Every structure is written in structure tokens, then in C-alpha cells.
Amino acid sequence: MDEMKIEEAQDKVDDLINHYGGYWEPLSMLARLVEEVGELSRAMNIKHGGKKAKFEGDGRDVEKELSDIIFTILAIANKEGIDLGKEFEEKILLDYEKCKGVYDNDEKKIKCTNEEF
């Protein structure tokens, strides 16, 4: 399967959601996003932390949880009429500009003028 651009992903999410009855209300989608982030936290804690799985298959793959989060973010963007590809590109360019020329060789991380990554 080929990699997908953000715009294509938004279109696929829109098609799927509309095929199965339409979008949820915005606050319901936000609650879904929070739930999905909780599931990612659990999966990461099982994979990397001290939490043990309670049963076989407990704590889905991190990849699947991240995909659930991306799906929900794309759905929210669609509902709000946001071109996420455009907005994300602008965000990256802004962060590069904000951090231009500031580099700490000792700590091996970029230090930005207003905030750190």
C-alpha cells in the first residue's frame, strides 16, 4: 500500500464517516480523541513501562493506537472544515523559523527562542 498524503487521508475518513451515518458532534469527537490517547497511554505503559497486560491481547499495538488518534484528528479537522495538510505545513515552517540558528551542541537538541521542543 502506498503512503497517503494528509489530504487523501482526510478524504478517506470523510468517505468512511459519511458512508456510516455522518459525523458525531464536535465535543463527542473530542471525547473520543481523549479516549484514544488514554488507550495509547495504556499500550505504551504495557510496552515500555511497568504495567502488565491483564489478558492475552491486552494493550493493542502502539501503531494501532496512533492510527486511531490520527483517524479521530482527521475527523475533527473535517468536521471543522480545516485543511490539515496546509495547517500542518504552516506549523512546521513556523517552528523552523522560530528555531533558526539556535542550537546547543552540548545537549544535542534544538532550543527555540520562545519554547523548547
Protein backbone atom coordinates (compact mmCIF):
# COMPACT_ATOMS: atom_id res chain seq x y z
CA MET A 1 0.00 0.00 0.00
CA ASP A 2 1.33 3.43 -0.94
CA GLU A 3 1.83 6.15 1.63
CA MET A 4 -1.03 8.60 1.88
CA LYS A 5 -0.95 12.40 1.94
CA ILE A 6 -2.87 14.18 4.67
CA GLU A 7 -5.42 15.49 2.17
CA GLU A 8 -6.05 11.95 0.88
CA ALA A 9 -6.42 10.67 4.43
CA GLN A 10 -8.96 13.40 5.21
CA ASP A 11 -10.94 12.42 2.11
CA LYS A 12 -10.91 8.72 3.04
CA VAL A 13 -12.02 9.48 6.60
CA ASP A 14 -14.79 11.71 5.24
CA ASP A 15 -15.99 8.99 2.85
CA LEU A 16 -15.99 6.36 5.59
CA ILE A 17 -17.79 8.52 8.13
CA ASN A 18 -20.42 9.66 5.65
CA HIS A 19 -20.95 6.08 4.48
CA TYR A 20 -21.79 5.02 8.04
CA GLY A 21 -24.12 7.83 9.05
CA GLY A 22 -22.15 11.05 9.37
CA TYR A 23 -20.03 12.89 11.87
CA TRP A 24 -20.51 12.96 15.62
CA GLU A 25 -20.90 16.25 17.39
CA PRO A 26 -17.59 18.11 17.96
CA LEU A 27 -17.42 17.55 21.72
CA SER A 28 -18.18 13.85 21.25
CA MET A 29 -15.27 13.63 18.83
CA LEU A 30 -13.04 15.42 21.33
CA ALA A 31 -14.07 12.91 24.00
CA ARG A 32 -13.23 10.12 21.54
CA LEU A 33 -9.78 11.66 20.98
CA VAL A 34 -9.14 11.76 24.73
CA GLU A 35 -10.25 8.13 24.99
CA GLU A 36 -7.88 7.13 22.17
CA VAL A 37 -4.98 8.97 23.83
CA GLY A 38 -5.76 7.02 27.01
CA GLU A 39 -5.58 3.77 25.04
CA LEU A 40 -2.21 4.84 23.59
CA SER A 41 -1.01 5.60 27.13
CA ARG A 42 -2.04 2.12 28.24
CA ALA A 43 -0.34 0.47 25.25
CA MET A 44 2.87 2.46 25.83
CA ASN A 45 2.79 1.62 29.53
CA ILE A 46 2.40 -2.09 28.77
CA LYS A 47 5.12 -1.97 26.12
CA HIS A 48 7.66 0.27 27.91
CA GLY A 49 6.52 0.75 31.47
CA GLY A 50 5.77 -1.34 34.47
CA LYS A 51 2.19 -2.20 33.58
CA LYS A 52 1.47 -5.84 32.84
CA ALA A 53 -1.19 -6.97 30.40
CA LYS A 54 -4.21 -8.41 32.22
CA PHE A 55 -5.04 -10.89 29.46
CA GLU A 56 -3.78 -12.05 26.08
CA GLY A 57 -4.02 -9.15 23.63
CA ASP A 58 -4.44 -6.56 26.38
CA GLY A 59 -2.98 -3.26 25.25
CA ARG A 60 -3.18 -3.09 21.48
CA ASP A 61 -0.17 -2.26 19.41
CA VAL A 62 1.13 1.28 19.74
CA GLU A 63 0.85 1.61 15.95
CA LYS A 64 -2.87 0.83 16.02
CA GLU A 65 -3.50 3.29 18.84
CA LEU A 66 -1.62 6.03 16.98
CA SER A 67 -3.69 5.26 13.89
CA ASP A 68 -6.89 5.59 15.93
CA ILE A 69 -5.70 9.00 17.15
CA ILE A 70 -4.84 10.15 13.63
CA PHE A 71 -8.24 8.99 12.36
CA THR A 72 -10.01 10.96 15.09
CA ILE A 73 -7.90 14.08 14.48
CA LEU A 74 -8.68 13.87 10.76
CA ALA A 75 -12.39 13.53 11.56
CA ILE A 76 -12.28 16.60 13.81
CA ALA A 77 -10.44 18.56 11.11
CA ASN A 78 -13.06 17.53 8.54
CA LYS A 79 -15.96 18.48 10.80
CA GLU A 80 -14.34 21.88 11.46
CA GLY A 81 -13.54 22.46 7.76
CA ILE A 82 -9.78 22.52 8.36
CA ASP A 83 -7.25 21.64 5.64
CA LEU A 84 -4.91 19.81 7.99
CA GLY A 85 -2.18 19.37 5.35
CA LYS A 86 -1.98 23.14 4.85
CA GLU A 87 -2.15 23.90 8.58
CA PHE A 88 0.49 21.31 9.46
CA GLU A 89 2.86 22.61 6.76
CA GLU A 90 2.46 26.14 8.14
CA LYS A 91 3.12 24.85 11.69
CA ILE A 92 6.35 23.11 10.64
CA LEU A 93 7.57 26.18 8.75
CA LEU A 94 6.76 28.39 11.74
CA ASP A 95 8.67 26.10 14.10
CA TYR A 96 11.70 26.01 11.80
CA GLU A 97 11.66 29.80 11.59
CA LYS A 98 11.25 30.16 15.36
CA CYS A 99 14.23 27.86 15.97
CA LYS A 100 16.52 29.07 13.19
CA GLY A 101 20.15 29.44 14.22
CA VAL A 102 19.71 28.32 17.80
CA TYR A 103 21.42 25.02 18.56
CA ASP A 104 23.00 23.73 21.74
CA ASN A 105 25.80 21.28 20.85
CA ASP A 106 26.23 20.09 24.41
CA GLU A 107 22.67 18.93 24.86
CA LYS A 108 22.16 17.88 21.21
CA LYS A 109 18.73 19.44 20.97
CA ILE A 110 17.22 22.45 19.34
CA LYS A 111 16.42 25.30 21.66
CA CYS A 112 13.83 27.70 20.32
CA THR A 113 13.53 31.35 21.14
CA ASN A 114 10.20 31.01 22.97
CA GLU A 115 9.91 27.35 23.81
CA GLU A 116 11.73 24.03 23.55
CA PHE A 117 10.79 21.01 21.53
